[in-house]
Amino acid sequence: MKRKVFLGAILWTLLITVVHVSLNVGWTQLGKQVEVLTGQRRQELIVGFLPVT
């Protein structure tokens, strides 16, 4: 019984993680972040501009 609960909890966590990444982050963005963290790519600097009138 404990094994079923443990495996169910692991599967549920993986499912929620996959759904969260696909809906909120995006797989391409996650791949870019992994490349930045491993040093394969430089991080992009995004500069915002607010016009003043």
PDB file of N, CA and C in Angstrom:
ATOM      1  N   MET A   1       0.817  -1.195   0.000  1.00  0.00           N
ATOM      2  CA  MET A   1       0.000   0.000   0.000  1.00  0.00           C
ATOM      3  C   MET A   1       0.864   1.264   0.000  1.00  0.00           C
ATOM      4  N   LYS A   2       1.925   1.265   0.808  1.00  0.00           N
ATOM      5  CA  LYS A   2       2.795   2.439   0.865  1.00  0.00           C
ATOM      6  C   LYS A   2       3.478   2.679  -0.478  1.00  0.00           C
ATOM      7  N   ARG A   3       3.828   1.597  -1.156  1.00  0.00           N
ATOM      8  CA  ARG A   3       4.486   1.726  -2.452  1.00  0.00           C
ATOM      9  C   ARG A   3       3.544   2.358  -3.480  1.00  0.00           C
ATOM     10  N   LYS A   4       2.281   1.970  -3.476  1.00  0.00           N
ATOM     11  CA  LYS A   4       1.313   2.539  -4.407  1.00  0.00           C
ATOM     12  C   LYS A   4       1.112   4.030  -4.148  1.00  0.00           C
ATOM     13  N   VAL A   5       1.046   4.408  -2.891  1.00  0.00           N
ATOM     14  CA  VAL A   5       0.869   5.821  -2.551  1.00  0.00           C
ATOM     15  C   VAL A   5       2.099   6.609  -2.977  1.00  0.00           C
ATOM     16  N   PHE A   6       3.278   6.068  -2.723  1.00  0.00           N
ATOM     17  CA  PHE A   6       4.521   6.744  -3.101  1.00  0.00           C
ATOM     18  C   PHE A   6       4.620   6.905  -4.616  1.00  0.00           C
ATOM     19  N   LEU A   7       4.350   5.853  -5.370  1.00  0.00           N
ATOM     20  CA  LEU A   7       4.399   5.936  -6.829  1.00  0.00           C
ATOM     21  C   LEU A   7       3.325   6.869  -7.372  1.00  0.00           C
ATOM     22  N   GLY A   8       2.153   6.846  -6.776  1.00  0.00           N
ATOM     23  CA  GLY A   8       1.092   7.752  -7.186  1.00  0.00           C
ATOM     24  C   GLY A   8       1.478   9.212  -6.958  1.00  0.00           C
ATOM     25  N   ALA A   9       2.117   9.483  -5.824  1.00  0.00           N
ATOM     26  CA  ALA A   9       2.548  10.851  -5.528  1.00  0.00           C
ATOM     27  C   ALA A   9       3.636  11.303  -6.499  1.00  0.00           C
ATOM     28  N   ILE A  10       4.560  10.419  -6.834  1.00  0.00           N
ATOM     29  CA  ILE A  10       5.623  10.753  -7.784  1.00  0.00           C
ATOM     30  C   ILE A  10       5.027  11.023  -9.167  1.00  0.00           C
ATOM     31  N   LEU A  11       4.126  10.168  -9.615  1.00  0.00           N
ATOM     32  CA  LEU A  11       3.502  10.354 -10.922  1.00  0.00           C
ATOM     33  C   LEU A  11       2.671  11.634 -10.967  1.00  0.00           C
ATOM     34  N   TRP A  12       1.948  11.922  -9.893  1.00  0.00           N
ATOM     35  CA  TRP A  12       1.147  13.135  -9.830  1.00  0.00           C
ATOM     36  C   TRP A  12       2.047  14.374  -9.903  1.00  0.00           C
ATOM     37  N   THR A  13       3.147  14.364  -9.182  1.00  0.00           N
ATOM     38  CA  THR A  13       4.084  15.488  -9.205  1.00  0.00           C
ATOM     39  C   THR A  13       4.669  15.684 -10.589  1.00  0.00           C
ATOM     40  N   LEU A  14       5.053  14.611 -11.250  1.00  0.00           N
ATOM     41  CA  LEU A  14       5.585  14.712 -12.606  1.00  0.00           C
ATOM     42  C   LEU A  14       4.534  15.239 -13.577  1.00  0.00           C
ATOM     43  N   LEU A  15       3.319  14.779 -13.453  1.00  0.00           N
ATOM     44  CA  LEU A  15       2.238  15.237 -14.318  1.00  0.00           C
ATOM     45  C   LEU A  15       1.991  16.735 -14.143  1.00  0.00           C
ATOM     46  N   ILE A  16       1.900  17.191 -12.910  1.00  0.00           N
ATOM     47  CA  ILE A  16       1.668  18.604 -12.638  1.00  0.00           C
ATOM     48  C   ILE A  16       2.833  19.444 -13.149  1.00  0.00           C
ATOM     49  N   THR A  17       4.063  18.955 -13.002  1.00  0.00           N
ATOM     50  CA  THR A  17       5.233  19.680 -13.482  1.00  0.00           C
ATOM     51  C   THR A  17       5.215  19.817 -15.000  1.00  0.00           C
ATOM     52  N   VAL A  18       4.893  18.746 -15.698  1.00  0.00           N
ATOM     53  CA  VAL A  18       4.843  18.784 -17.162  1.00  0.00           C
ATOM     54  C   VAL A  18       3.747  19.729 -17.642  1.00  0.00           C
ATOM     55  N   VAL A  19       2.603  19.683 -17.029  1.00  0.00           N
ATOM     56  CA  VAL A  19       1.502  20.564 -17.424  1.00  0.00           C
ATOM     57  C   VAL A  19       1.861  22.024 -17.133  1.00  0.00           C
ATOM     58  N   HIS A  20       2.484  22.284 -15.997  1.00  0.00           N
ATOM     59  CA  HIS A  20       2.876  23.655 -15.656  1.00  0.00           C
ATOM     60  C   HIS A  20       3.885  24.214 -16.655  1.00  0.00           C
ATOM     61  N   VAL A  21       4.893  23.423 -16.985  1.00  0.00           N
ATOM     62  CA  VAL A  21       5.909  23.898 -17.924  1.00  0.00           C
ATOM     63  C   VAL A  21       5.300  24.145 -19.294  1.00  0.00           C
ATOM     64  N   SER A  22       4.447  23.252 -19.745  1.00  0.00           N
ATOM     65  CA  SER A  22       3.875  23.417 -21.083  1.00  0.00           C
ATOM     66  C   SER A  22       2.912  24.602 -21.158  1.00  0.00           C
ATOM     67  N   LEU A  23       2.170  24.880 -20.098  1.00  0.00           N
ATOM     68  CA  LEU A  23       1.201  25.968 -20.137  1.00  0.00           C
ATOM     69  C   LEU A  23       1.800  27.326 -19.764  1.00  0.00           C
ATOM     70  N   ASN A  24       2.702  27.366 -18.808  1.00  0.00           N
ATOM     71  CA  ASN A  24       3.166  28.642 -18.276  1.00  0.00           C
ATOM     72  C   ASN A  24       4.564  29.047 -18.737  1.00  0.00           C
ATOM     73  N   VAL A  25       5.439  28.110 -18.955  1.00  0.00           N
ATOM     74  CA  VAL A  25       6.829  28.440 -19.265  1.00  0.00           C
ATOM     75  C   VAL A  25       7.125  28.201 -20.734  1.00  0.00           C
ATOM     76  N   GLY A  26       6.783  27.075 -21.232  1.00  0.00           N
ATOM     77  CA  GLY A  26       7.090  26.707 -22.609  1.00  0.00           C
ATOM     78  C   GLY A  26       8.370  25.891 -22.653  1.00  0.00           C
ATOM     79  N   TRP A  27       8.375  24.872 -23.466  1.00  0.00           N
ATOM     80  CA  TRP A  27       9.524  23.962 -23.514  1.00  0.00           C
ATOM     81  C   TRP A  27      10.738  24.625 -24.139  1.00  0.00           C
ATOM     82  N   THR A  28      10.535  25.524 -25.106  1.00  0.00           N
ATOM     83  CA  THR A  28      11.689  26.184 -25.725  1.00  0.00           C
ATOM     84  C   THR A  28      12.356  27.129 -24.740  1.00  0.00           C
ATOM     85  N   GLN A  29      11.561  27.847 -23.962  1.00  0.00           N
ATOM     86  CA  GLN A  29      12.130  28.760 -22.955  1.00  0.00           C
ATOM     87  C   GLN A  29      12.869  27.965 -21.881  1.00  0.00           C
ATOM     88  N   LEU A  30      12.321  26.836 -21.478  1.00  0.00           N
ATOM     89  CA  LEU A  30      12.990  25.996 -20.483  1.00  0.00           C
ATOM     90  C   LEU A  30      14.312  25.480 -21.031  1.00  0.00           C
ATOM     91  N   GLY A  31      14.341  25.086 -22.308  1.00  0.00           N
ATOM     92  CA  GLY A  31      15.576  24.627 -22.930  1.00  0.00           C
ATOM     93  C   GLY A  31      16.630  25.717 -22.981  1.00  0.00           C
ATOM     94  N   LYS A  32      16.202  26.957 -23.278  1.00  0.00           N
ATOM     95  CA  LYS A  32      17.144  28.078 -23.299  1.00  0.00           C
ATOM     96  C   LYS A  32      17.721  28.336 -21.913  1.00  0.00           C
ATOM     97  N   GLN A  33      16.883  28.254 -20.888  1.00  0.00           N
ATOM     98  CA  GLN A  33      17.366  28.477 -19.524  1.00  0.00           C
ATOM     99  C   GLN A  33      18.361  27.406 -19.096  1.00  0.00           C
ATOM    100  N   VAL A  34      18.125  26.171 -19.507  1.00  0.00           N
ATOM    101  CA  VAL A  34      19.062  25.091 -19.187  1.00  0.00           C
ATOM    102  C   VAL A  34      20.397  25.330 -19.885  1.00  0.00           C
ATOM    103  N   GLU A  35      20.359  25.798 -21.132  1.00  0.00           N
ATOM    104  CA  GLU A  35      21.597  26.104 -21.847  1.00  0.00           C
ATOM    105  C   GLU A  35      22.356  27.244 -21.186  1.00  0.00           C
ATOM    106  N   VAL A  36      21.644  28.249 -20.686  1.00  0.00           N
ATOM    107  CA  VAL A  36      22.300  29.356 -19.985  1.00  0.00           C
ATOM    108  C   VAL A  36      22.938  28.851 -18.694  1.00  0.00           C
ATOM    109  N   LEU A  37      22.219  28.017 -17.962  1.00  0.00           N
ATOM    110  CA  LEU A  37      22.750  27.503 -16.697  1.00  0.00           C
ATOM    111  C   LEU A  37      23.959  26.603 -16.890  1.00  0.00           C
ATOM    112  N   THR A  38      24.007  25.864 -17.990  1.00  0.00           N
ATOM    113  CA  THR A  38      25.140  24.971 -18.226  1.00  0.00           C
ATOM    114  C   THR A  38      26.287  25.661 -18.939  1.00  0.00           C
ATOM    115  N   GLY A  39      26.094  26.924 -19.346  1.00  0.00           N
ATOM    116  CA  GLY A  39      27.166  27.677 -19.973  1.00  0.00           C
ATOM    117  C   GLY A  39      27.291  27.479 -21.471  1.00  0.00           C
ATOM    118  N   GLN A  40      26.323  26.881 -22.109  1.00  0.00           N
ATOM    119  CA  GLN A  40      26.369  26.658 -23.548  1.00  0.00           C
ATOM    120  C   GLN A  40      25.883  27.871 -24.325  1.00  0.00           C
ATOM    121  N   ARG A  41      25.185  28.776 -23.665  1.00  0.00           N
ATOM    122  CA  ARG A  41      24.619  29.963 -24.320  1.00  0.00           C
ATOM    123  C   ARG A  41      24.712  31.138 -23.357  1.00  0.00           C
ATOM    124  N   ARG A  42      24.895  32.334 -23.934  1.00  0.00           N
ATOM    125  CA  ARG A  42      24.904  33.533 -23.122  1.00  0.00           C
ATOM    126  C   ARG A  42      23.473  33.996 -22.886  1.00  0.00           C
ATOM    127  N   GLN A  43      23.250  34.578 -21.735  1.00  0.00           N
ATOM    128  CA  GLN A  43      21.921  35.065 -21.405  1.00  0.00           C
ATOM    129  C   GLN A  43      21.636  36.357 -22.158  1.00  0.00           C
ATOM    130  N   GLU A  44      20.424  36.470 -22.679  1.00  0.00           N
ATOM    131  CA  GLU A  44      20.020  37.663 -23.412  1.00  0.00           C
ATOM    132  C   GLU A  44      19.627  38.751 -22.426  1.00  0.00           C
ATOM    133  N   LEU A  45      20.043  39.962 -22.725  1.00  0.00           N
ATOM    134  CA  LEU A  45      19.666  41.108 -21.918  1.00  0.00           C
ATOM    135  C   LEU A  45      18.550  41.854 -22.628  1.00  0.00           C
ATOM    136  N   ILE A  46      17.413  41.937 -21.977  1.00  0.00           N
ATOM    137  CA  ILE A  46      16.263  42.629 -22.550  1.00  0.00           C
ATOM    138  C   ILE A  46      16.143  43.979 -21.862  1.00  0.00           C
ATOM    139  N   VAL A  47      16.249  45.029 -22.666  1.00  0.00           N
ATOM    140  CA  VAL A  47      16.172  46.384 -22.139  1.00  0.00           C
ATOM    141  C   VAL A  47      14.822  46.963 -22.500  1.00  0.00           C
ATOM    142  N   GLY A  48      14.115  47.434 -21.511  1.00  0.00           N
ATOM    143  CA  GLY A  48      12.811  48.040 -21.745  1.00  0.00           C
ATOM    144  C   GLY A  48      12.943  49.523 -21.992  1.00  0.00           C
ATOM    145  N   PHE A  49      11.987  50.089 -22.688  1.00  0.00           N
ATOM    146  CA  PHE A  49      11.997  51.515 -22.984  1.00  0.00           C
ATOM    147  C   PHE A  49      10.605  52.059 -22.757  1.00  0.00           C
ATOM    148  N   LEU A  50      10.516  53.052 -21.895  1.00  0.00           N
ATOM    149  CA  LEU A  50       9.241  53.706 -21.647  1.00  0.00           C
ATOM    150  C   LEU A  50       9.343  55.135 -22.187  1.00  0.00           C
ATOM    151  N   PRO A  51       8.619  55.454 -23.244  1.00  0.00           N
ATOM    152  CA  PRO A  51       8.681  56.805 -23.778  1.00  0.00           C
ATOM    153  C   PRO A  51       8.024  57.816 -22.833  1.00  0.00           C
ATOM    154  N   VAL A  52       8.658  58.951 -22.707  1.00  0.00           N
ATOM    155  CA  VAL A  52       8.109  60.007 -21.855  1.00  0.00           C
ATOM    156  C   VAL A  52       7.644  61.142 -22.765  1.00  0.00           C
ATOM    157  N   THR A  53       6.402  61.538 -22.595  1.00  0.00           N
ATOM    158  CA  THR A  53       5.890  62.615 -23.449  1.00  0.00           C
ATOM    159  C   THR A  53       5.562  63.835 -22.608  1.00  0.00           C
TER     160      THR A  53
END
